[in-house]
Amino acid sequence: MNKKQILSISLGNTLEWLDFGLIIYMAPLIGATFFPHHTGTTATLETLTVFAAGFICRPLGGILFGHIGDTRGRAKPLRFSVLLIALSTILVGILPSYETIGWLSPVLFTLIRLAQGISIGGEYTGVMIMLAESAPKNKRGFITSFAASGANLGFLLATVSLILLKIFLSKQAIADWGWRLPFLLAGLPGLIILYYRFKLSETRIYSRLKSTHHLTAIPFVTALTLAPKQLLVILGLTCMSSSFYYIFFGFMPTYLDVFMGVPLQSSLFTQSLLLVAMLFLVPVVGFLGDRFSRRNMLLLTASCIIIFSVPCFMLLGTTHQASIMLAMMIATIISSLDQGNSLAAVVENCPENVRYSGIAFSYNLGMALFGGTAPIIVSLLLGQGGMLSPAYYLIGMACVSLFAASYLLHHNQSMRPV
């Protein structure tokens, strides 16, 4: 696999997470546009609820795209998914406000998010499988980690976009129309990515499965009946992966702004620096996983979340810039440990002939349950349980993942067909 192929595969995740970042960071502005009949705080919660609803559709998209990926080839669903992601992102940017078309506005906004959730159900799974199956065994973790790096680049671009808006536009201009610009510009590269994805060839593993007649007619049902343990392990790993990442690198700027009184531009700048660092850290950790076993690295990751979650939230609670930076640096290292190893581990621990369907369902189900709901859960926990309550939630998620990681295959082995 050459560099151009890695880019064409990974950049779909960049587009996906750019949109996610924009939705989370601009939740108050989007809420005011599509849900203006509510108070500001409730409108923000409405937007985050729709964000979570999009995640709920990811398992449905996983079943649909997973069937295509296991029966028709790994490359085909990646073409459909990136097209749908690009179109839905552009539609958010041009959707009329509640004041213009009334109740139809929030309904259409919700439908767009649901459609994007379906497309993402096949996108991220397909990217990690395509990269893992195309890589040599001794570089599988390193190459697969670029799927996560593409996502981090998307969040970085979302962060930079909001910073630029605040620099060049007034607060009123951003609220009126400026917030739409990143959505409109973000959708255009999707067409370029689509062009290069038509040039992708099938992976060696899928070609072998086809030539040896190991493909199955209904891969999703086969995965549920013959590989339930593997699917549960994948679901368990997503507990810490999704909750930790979406709390610290999705919701954190909003958390610091709304609940801690830290200026949004300051936290966005801090996060942008750490996301740049993560672009380099994640592949390095992927390389270490290739050498020292992904199972061991993920056991270490879960242990670090258990140990450092409370100290990190205590540092965030001080609202001092240096303390916030230290907490986010710790979170960056921990999240890099997870991202650099979890994706390849997920692929290796799912049987080859039901891999797309199995991962697309179980991984996306975990993302829907623990990732899409993370901003809402944190908001509710802060209102009911105090400033350290999100840390205890993360500890609980990490305990589940620690147990799941103990069942991963040793020595970076890859499962054969069932």
Protein backbone atom coordinates (compact mmCIF):
# COMPACT_ATOMS: atom_id res chain seq x y z
CA MET A 1 0.00 0.00 0.00
CA ASN A 2 1.47 3.34 -1.07
CA LYS A 3 1.12 6.74 0.58
CA LYS A 4 -1.56 7.95 -1.85
CA GLN A 5 -3.76 4.95 -1.06
CA ILE A 6 -3.33 5.44 2.69
CA LEU A 7 -4.36 9.08 2.28
CA SER A 8 -7.40 8.35 0.12
CA ILE A 9 -8.59 5.80 2.68
CA SER A 10 -7.82 7.78 5.85
CA LEU A 11 -9.05 11.22 4.75
CA GLY A 12 -12.65 10.04 4.75
CA ASN A 13 -12.32 9.87 8.53
CA THR A 14 -10.98 13.43 8.49
CA LEU A 15 -14.16 14.66 6.81
CA GLU A 16 -16.30 12.65 9.21
CA TRP A 17 -14.63 13.96 12.37
CA LEU A 18 -14.40 17.51 11.06
CA ASP A 19 -18.19 17.47 10.88
CA PHE A 20 -18.46 15.88 14.36
CA GLY A 21 -16.14 18.47 15.85
CA LEU A 22 -18.06 21.33 14.28
CA ILE A 23 -21.37 20.01 15.61
CA ILE A 24 -20.02 19.66 19.16
CA TYR A 25 -18.05 22.91 19.25
CA MET A 26 -20.85 24.95 17.71
CA ALA A 27 -23.68 23.25 19.57
CA PRO A 28 -24.90 26.52 21.18
CA LEU A 29 -24.93 28.32 17.79
CA ILE A 30 -26.58 25.44 15.95
CA GLY A 31 -29.08 25.02 18.77
CA ALA A 32 -30.02 28.69 18.53
CA THR A 33 -30.51 28.32 14.76
CA PHE A 34 -32.63 25.18 14.69
CA PHE A 35 -34.18 25.21 18.19
CA PRO A 36 -34.68 28.93 18.96
CA HIS A 37 -37.90 28.45 20.92
CA HIS A 38 -35.90 27.00 23.81
CA THR A 39 -33.54 28.68 26.24
CA GLY A 40 -29.88 28.71 25.29
CA THR A 41 -28.86 25.82 27.54
CA THR A 42 -31.77 23.61 26.48
CA ALA A 43 -31.15 24.38 22.79
CA THR A 44 -27.55 23.25 23.22
CA LEU A 45 -28.77 20.03 24.84
CA GLU A 46 -31.20 19.55 21.95
CA THR A 47 -28.31 19.77 19.49
CA LEU A 48 -26.22 17.30 21.49
CA THR A 49 -29.23 14.97 21.60
CA VAL A 50 -29.47 15.06 17.81
CA PHE A 51 -25.71 14.46 17.70
CA ALA A 52 -26.28 11.35 19.83
CA ALA A 53 -29.17 10.28 17.59
CA GLY A 54 -26.82 10.27 14.63
CA PHE A 55 -24.60 7.87 16.55
CA ILE A 56 -27.55 5.59 17.24
CA CYS A 57 -27.88 5.08 13.47
CA ARG A 58 -24.27 3.94 13.20
CA PRO A 59 -25.04 0.27 14.03
CA LEU A 60 -27.78 0.31 11.37
CA GLY A 61 -25.32 1.68 8.87
CA GLY A 62 -22.84 -0.92 10.08
CA ILE A 63 -25.25 -3.74 9.23
CA LEU A 64 -25.95 -2.29 5.77
CA PHE A 65 -22.39 -1.43 4.77
CA GLY A 66 -21.01 -4.46 6.58
CA HIS A 67 -23.08 -6.77 4.38
CA ILE A 68 -21.70 -5.08 1.27
CA GLY A 69 -18.14 -5.19 2.61
CA ASP A 70 -18.25 -8.90 3.42
CA THR A 71 -20.08 -10.01 0.27
CA ARG A 72 -19.07 -7.50 -2.43
CA GLY A 73 -15.64 -6.26 -1.31
CA ARG A 74 -14.02 -3.88 1.17
CA ALA A 75 -13.65 -0.96 -1.26
CA LYS A 76 -17.25 -0.60 -2.46
CA PRO A 77 -18.88 0.60 0.80
CA LEU A 78 -16.13 3.18 1.26
CA ARG A 79 -17.22 4.89 -1.95
CA PHE A 80 -20.86 5.15 -0.93
CA SER A 81 -20.11 6.24 2.63
CA VAL A 82 -17.81 9.15 1.77
CA LEU A 83 -20.31 10.48 -0.79
CA LEU A 84 -23.13 10.45 1.75
CA ILE A 85 -20.94 12.07 4.41
CA ALA A 86 -19.93 14.89 2.04
CA LEU A 87 -23.50 15.60 0.93
CA SER A 88 -24.92 15.61 4.46
CA THR A 89 -22.19 17.96 5.68
CA ILE A 90 -22.98 20.44 2.91
CA LEU A 91 -26.71 20.19 3.65
CA VAL A 92 -26.16 21.23 7.27
CA GLY A 93 -24.44 24.36 5.96
CA ILE A 94 -27.37 25.36 3.72
CA LEU A 95 -30.30 24.24 5.87
CA PRO A 96 -32.72 27.14 6.59
CA SER A 97 -33.22 28.19 10.19
CA TYR A 98 -36.28 27.71 12.39
CA GLU A 99 -37.22 31.35 11.85
CA THR A 100 -37.35 30.71 8.08
CA ILE A 101 -39.19 27.38 7.73
CA GLY A 102 -40.41 26.67 11.25
CA TRP A 103 -40.64 23.13 12.64
CA LEU A 104 -39.34 21.68 9.36
CA SER A 105 -35.88 23.01 10.19
CA PRO A 106 -35.15 20.83 13.28
CA VAL A 107 -36.81 17.85 11.56
CA LEU A 108 -34.57 18.14 8.49
CA PHE A 109 -31.52 18.74 10.68
CA THR A 110 -32.27 15.55 12.58
CA LEU A 111 -32.81 13.55 9.36
CA ILE A 112 -29.49 14.80 7.97
CA ARG A 113 -27.71 13.71 11.14
CA LEU A 114 -29.38 10.31 11.01
CA ALA A 115 -28.33 9.85 7.37
CA GLN A 116 -24.78 10.78 8.24
CA GLY A 117 -24.82 8.37 11.15
CA ILE A 118 -25.78 5.57 8.76
CA SER A 119 -22.95 6.45 6.38
CA ILE A 120 -20.41 6.67 9.17
CA GLY A 121 -21.46 3.21 10.29
CA GLY A 122 -19.62 1.91 7.24
CA GLU A 123 -16.91 4.55 6.86
CA TYR A 124 -14.74 4.24 9.97
CA THR A 125 -15.05 0.46 10.12
CA GLY A 126 -14.20 0.16 6.44
CA VAL A 127 -11.18 2.41 6.79
CA MET A 128 -9.69 0.42 9.67
CA ILE A 129 -10.33 -2.91 7.92
CA MET A 130 -8.96 -1.72 4.58
CA LEU A 131 -5.77 -0.43 6.20
CA ALA A 132 -5.28 -3.46 8.46
CA GLU A 133 -5.86 -6.02 5.73
CA SER A 134 -3.56 -4.21 3.29
CA ALA A 135 -0.67 -3.89 5.74
CA PRO A 136 2.07 -6.45 6.44
CA LYS A 137 1.68 -8.11 9.84
CA ASN A 138 4.71 -6.41 11.38
CA LYS A 139 3.35 -2.96 10.40
CA ARG A 140 -0.38 -3.58 10.87
CA GLY A 141 -0.76 -1.42 13.95
CA PHE A 142 1.34 1.41 12.52
CA ILE A 143 -0.58 1.61 9.22
CA THR A 144 -4.01 1.06 10.78
CA SER A 145 -3.31 3.90 13.22
CA PHE A 146 -3.66 6.35 10.32
CA ALA A 147 -7.41 5.77 10.50
CA ALA A 148 -7.31 7.37 13.95
CA SER A 149 -4.90 10.06 12.76
CA GLY A 150 -7.41 10.98 10.05
CA ALA A 151 -10.06 11.43 12.74
CA ASN A 152 -7.71 13.55 14.86
CA LEU A 153 -6.94 15.72 11.85
CA GLY A 154 -10.67 16.27 11.44
CA PHE A 155 -11.08 17.44 15.03
CA LEU A 156 -8.01 19.64 14.59
CA LEU A 157 -9.49 21.26 11.48
CA ALA A 158 -12.78 21.81 13.33
CA THR A 159 -10.87 23.49 16.15
CA VAL A 160 -8.87 25.69 13.79
CA SER A 161 -12.03 26.58 11.86
CA LEU A 162 -13.73 27.90 14.96
CA ILE A 163 -10.61 29.83 16.00
CA LEU A 164 -10.45 31.48 12.56
CA LEU A 165 -14.13 32.38 12.69
CA LYS A 166 -13.62 34.08 16.06
CA ILE A 167 -10.61 35.97 14.74
CA PHE A 168 -12.09 37.27 11.49
CA LEU A 169 -15.82 37.56 12.22
CA SER A 170 -17.84 39.28 14.90
CA LYS A 171 -19.81 37.24 17.38
CA GLN A 172 -23.05 38.29 15.72
CA ALA A 173 -21.80 37.41 12.22
CA ILE A 174 -20.76 33.96 13.41
CA ALA A 175 -24.18 33.40 14.97
CA ASP A 176 -26.04 34.67 11.88
CA TRP A 177 -24.17 32.92 9.06
CA GLY A 178 -20.47 32.43 9.83
CA TRP A 179 -20.90 29.05 11.53
CA ARG A 180 -22.17 27.64 8.21
CA LEU A 181 -18.94 28.30 6.29
CA PRO A 182 -16.90 25.34 7.65
CA PHE A 183 -19.73 22.91 6.84
CA LEU A 184 -19.95 24.17 3.26
CA LEU A 185 -16.19 24.03 2.71
CA ALA A 186 -15.80 20.66 4.46
CA GLY A 187 -18.10 18.81 2.09
CA LEU A 188 -16.21 19.66 -1.11
CA PRO A 189 -13.06 17.53 -0.49
CA GLY A 190 -15.33 14.50 -0.17
CA LEU A 191 -15.75 14.47 -3.96
CA ILE A 192 -11.97 14.36 -4.42
CA ILE A 193 -11.69 11.52 -1.91
CA LEU A 194 -14.45 9.68 -3.77
CA TYR A 195 -12.46 9.93 -7.03
CA TYR A 196 -9.40 8.29 -5.50
CA ARG A 197 -11.45 5.62 -3.77
CA PHE A 198 -12.64 4.38 -7.15
CA LYS A 199 -9.00 3.54 -7.82
CA LEU A 200 -8.68 1.31 -4.74
CA SER A 201 -8.17 -2.42 -5.30
CA GLU A 202 -9.50 -5.15 -3.03
CA THR A 203 -7.45 -6.42 -0.09
CA ARG A 204 -5.53 -9.68 -0.35
CA ILE A 205 -7.63 -11.18 2.44
CA TYR A 206 -10.95 -10.50 0.73
CA SER A 207 -9.60 -11.83 -2.58
CA ARG A 208 -8.45 -15.02 -0.83
CA LEU A 209 -11.82 -15.46 0.90
CA LYS A 210 -13.58 -15.10 -2.44
CA SER A 211 -11.29 -17.49 -4.31
CA THR A 212 -11.51 -20.15 -1.58
CA HIS A 213 -15.33 -19.81 -1.31
CA HIS A 214 -15.25 -18.67 2.34
CA LEU A 215 -17.68 -15.79 1.80
CA THR A 216 -20.99 -16.16 3.61
CA ALA A 217 -24.41 -15.14 2.30
CA ILE A 218 -25.61 -13.43 5.50
CA PRO A 219 -22.42 -12.36 7.31
CA PHE A 220 -24.17 -10.39 10.07
CA VAL A 221 -26.20 -13.40 11.21
CA THR A 222 -23.12 -15.62 10.92
CA ALA A 223 -21.13 -13.22 13.09
CA LEU A 224 -23.82 -13.15 15.78
CA THR A 225 -24.19 -16.92 15.88
CA LEU A 226 -20.60 -18.12 15.43
CA ALA A 227 -18.50 -15.27 16.89
CA PRO A 228 -20.52 -13.72 19.76
CA LYS A 229 -17.53 -13.68 22.13
CA GLN A 230 -15.41 -11.70 19.69
CA LEU A 231 -18.20 -9.17 19.16
CA LEU A 232 -18.60 -8.71 22.91
CA VAL A 233 -14.85 -8.14 23.29
CA ILE A 234 -14.98 -5.46 20.57
CA LEU A 235 -17.99 -3.84 22.25
CA GLY A 236 -16.15 -3.90 25.58
CA LEU A 237 -13.10 -2.17 24.12
CA THR A 238 -15.23 0.70 22.83
CA CYS A 239 -16.32 1.55 26.38
CA MET A 240 -13.08 3.34 27.18
CA SER A 241 -12.17 4.27 23.59
CA SER A 242 -15.34 6.19 22.80
CA SER A 243 -16.11 7.72 26.19
CA PHE A 244 -12.58 8.93 26.89
CA TYR A 245 -11.97 10.41 23.44
CA TYR A 246 -15.32 12.15 23.05
CA ILE A 247 -15.18 13.62 26.54
CA PHE A 248 -11.61 14.91 26.36
CA PHE A 249 -11.30 15.78 22.66
CA GLY A 250 -14.88 16.33 21.58
CA PHE A 251 -16.78 17.86 24.46
CA MET A 252 -13.91 19.36 26.48
CA PRO A 253 -13.87 22.88 24.94
CA THR A 254 -17.63 23.16 25.51
CA TYR A 255 -17.24 21.69 29.02
CA LEU A 256 -14.57 24.23 29.98
CA ASP A 257 -16.55 27.10 28.46
CA VAL A 258 -20.04 26.30 29.77
CA PHE A 259 -19.28 24.66 33.12
CA MET A 260 -15.87 26.05 34.15
CA GLY A 261 -15.96 29.56 32.71
CA VAL A 262 -12.76 29.10 30.68
CA PRO A 263 -12.82 31.18 27.46
CA LEU A 264 -13.66 28.94 24.51
CA GLN A 265 -10.90 30.37 22.32
CA SER A 266 -8.28 29.57 24.96
CA SER A 267 -9.34 25.93 25.34
CA LEU A 268 -9.60 25.52 21.58
CA PHE A 269 -6.03 26.77 21.15
CA THR A 270 -4.80 24.34 23.81
CA GLN A 271 -6.65 21.48 22.21
CA SER A 272 -5.33 22.30 18.74
CA LEU A 273 -1.75 22.04 19.99
CA LEU A 274 -2.44 18.67 21.59
CA LEU A 275 -4.22 17.35 18.50
CA VAL A 276 -1.14 18.24 16.46
CA ALA A 277 0.97 16.26 18.93
CA MET A 278 -1.49 13.36 18.68
CA LEU A 279 -1.05 13.20 14.92
CA PHE A 280 2.52 12.07 15.59
CA LEU A 281 1.96 10.14 18.82
CA VAL A 282 -0.71 7.74 17.53
CA PRO A 283 1.44 6.20 14.73
CA VAL A 284 4.37 5.90 17.16
CA VAL A 285 2.18 4.01 19.61
CA GLY A 286 0.90 1.86 16.74
CA PHE A 287 4.51 0.95 15.99
CA LEU A 288 5.05 0.06 19.66
CA GLY A 289 1.96 -2.15 19.57
CA ASP A 290 3.41 -4.01 16.60
CA ARG A 291 6.47 -4.70 18.67
CA PHE A 292 5.18 -5.26 22.20
CA SER A 293 1.64 -6.67 21.62
CA ARG A 294 -1.55 -4.68 21.30
CA ARG A 295 -3.13 -6.68 24.11
CA ASN A 296 -0.49 -5.48 26.58
CA MET A 297 -0.73 -1.89 25.36
CA LEU A 298 -4.51 -1.81 25.78
CA LEU A 299 -4.31 -3.32 29.26
CA LEU A 300 -1.89 -0.48 30.07
CA THR A 301 -4.28 2.08 28.55
CA ALA A 302 -7.26 0.96 30.63
CA SER A 303 -5.11 0.98 33.77
CA CYS A 304 -3.96 4.55 33.05
CA ILE A 305 -7.55 5.76 32.66
CA ILE A 306 -8.45 4.21 36.01
CA ILE A 307 -5.45 5.85 37.69
CA PHE A 308 -5.46 9.30 36.09
CA SER A 309 -9.15 10.19 35.46
CA VAL A 310 -9.77 11.74 38.89
CA PRO A 311 -6.46 13.69 38.97
CA CYS A 312 -7.17 15.04 35.48
CA PHE A 313 -10.61 16.34 36.41
CA MET A 314 -9.20 17.83 39.62
CA LEU A 315 -6.66 19.72 37.51
CA LEU A 316 -9.39 20.88 35.12
CA GLY A 317 -11.43 22.09 38.08
CA THR A 318 -8.75 24.60 39.08
CA THR A 319 -9.44 26.52 35.80
CA HIS A 320 -5.75 27.52 35.72
CA GLN A 321 -4.27 27.38 32.24
CA ALA A 322 -1.19 25.41 33.32
CA SER A 323 -3.30 22.84 35.18
CA ILE A 324 -5.67 22.46 32.23
CA MET A 325 -2.71 21.96 29.89
CA LEU A 326 -1.23 19.30 32.18
CA ALA A 327 -4.54 17.43 32.38
CA MET A 328 -4.98 17.54 28.63
CA MET A 329 -1.40 16.39 28.04
CA ILE A 330 -2.03 13.34 30.22
CA ALA A 331 -5.26 12.69 28.33
CA THR A 332 -3.42 13.04 25.01
CA ILE A 333 -0.91 10.35 25.93
CA ILE A 334 -3.61 7.99 27.22
CA SER A 335 -5.84 8.49 24.17
CA SER A 336 -2.87 7.96 21.85
CA LEU A 337 -2.14 4.65 23.58
CA ASP A 338 -5.70 3.60 22.88
CA GLN A 339 -6.01 4.85 19.30
CA GLY A 340 -2.68 3.43 18.21
CA ASN A 341 -3.65 -0.09 19.29
CA SER A 342 -7.41 -0.56 19.52
CA LEU A 343 -8.22 -0.38 15.80
CA ALA A 344 -5.79 -3.09 14.69
CA ALA A 345 -6.76 -5.20 17.72
CA VAL A 346 -10.43 -4.97 16.78
CA VAL A 347 -9.71 -6.14 13.22
CA GLU A 348 -7.44 -8.99 14.33
CA ASN A 349 -9.97 -10.32 16.81
CA CYS A 350 -12.86 -10.66 14.35
CA PRO A 351 -13.09 -13.60 11.89
CA GLU A 352 -12.09 -12.61 8.36
CA ASN A 353 -15.24 -13.64 6.48
CA VAL A 354 -17.62 -11.75 8.80
CA ARG A 355 -15.15 -9.02 9.72
CA TYR A 356 -16.86 -6.03 8.15
CA SER A 357 -20.33 -6.95 9.45
CA GLY A 358 -19.14 -7.98 12.89
CA ILE A 359 -16.96 -4.95 13.53
CA ALA A 360 -19.34 -2.49 11.87
CA PHE A 361 -22.12 -3.61 14.20
CA SER A 362 -20.33 -4.15 17.53
CA TYR A 363 -17.87 -1.25 17.20
CA ASN A 364 -20.55 1.19 16.07
CA LEU A 365 -22.94 -0.04 18.75
CA GLY A 366 -20.29 0.82 21.34
CA MET A 367 -19.70 4.21 19.75
CA ALA A 368 -23.44 4.90 19.80
CA LEU A 369 -23.91 3.83 23.41
CA PHE A 370 -20.76 5.35 24.90
CA GLY A 371 -19.43 7.89 22.39
CA GLY A 372 -22.46 9.71 21.01
CA THR A 373 -24.00 9.97 24.46
CA ALA A 374 -20.80 11.16 26.18
CA PRO A 375 -21.53 14.94 25.93
CA ILE A 376 -25.07 14.44 27.27
CA ILE A 377 -23.93 12.12 30.06
CA VAL A 378 -21.23 14.55 31.17
CA SER A 379 -23.68 17.45 31.15
CA LEU A 380 -26.17 15.48 33.27
CA LEU A 381 -23.50 14.14 35.63
CA LEU A 382 -22.12 17.62 36.25
CA GLY A 383 -25.59 18.84 37.13
CA GLN A 384 -26.29 15.97 39.54
CA GLY A 385 -23.01 14.59 40.86
CA GLY A 386 -20.41 17.36 40.95
CA MET A 387 -17.23 18.13 39.01
CA LEU A 388 -15.57 14.74 39.56
CA SER A 389 -18.54 12.64 38.48
CA PRO A 390 -17.38 12.35 34.82
CA ALA A 391 -14.08 10.91 36.10
CA TYR A 392 -15.89 8.12 37.95
CA TYR A 393 -17.88 7.41 34.80
CA LEU A 394 -14.64 7.04 32.84
CA ILE A 395 -13.22 4.72 35.49
CA GLY A 396 -16.25 2.48 35.16
CA MET A 397 -15.87 2.38 31.38
CA ALA A 398 -12.16 1.59 31.68
CA CYS A 399 -12.86 -1.32 34.03
CA VAL A 400 -15.11 -2.90 31.42
CA SER A 401 -12.45 -2.42 28.73
CA LEU A 402 -9.73 -3.78 31.00
CA PHE A 403 -11.73 -7.00 31.29
CA ALA A 404 -12.38 -7.09 27.53
CA ALA A 405 -8.72 -6.48 26.65
CA SER A 406 -7.69 -9.51 28.72
CA TYR A 407 -9.52 -11.69 26.16
CA LEU A 408 -7.67 -10.34 23.13
CA LEU A 409 -5.55 -12.72 21.09
CA HIS A 410 -1.89 -12.85 22.11
CA HIS A 411 1.04 -11.84 19.89
CA ASN A 412 -1.09 -9.80 17.46
CA GLN A 413 -2.64 -12.86 15.90
CA SER A 414 -5.43 -12.50 13.33
CA MET A 415 -8.54 -14.71 13.30
CA ARG A 416 -9.25 -16.93 10.32
CA PRO A 417 -12.77 -17.47 8.89
CA VAL A 418 -15.46 -19.10 11.03
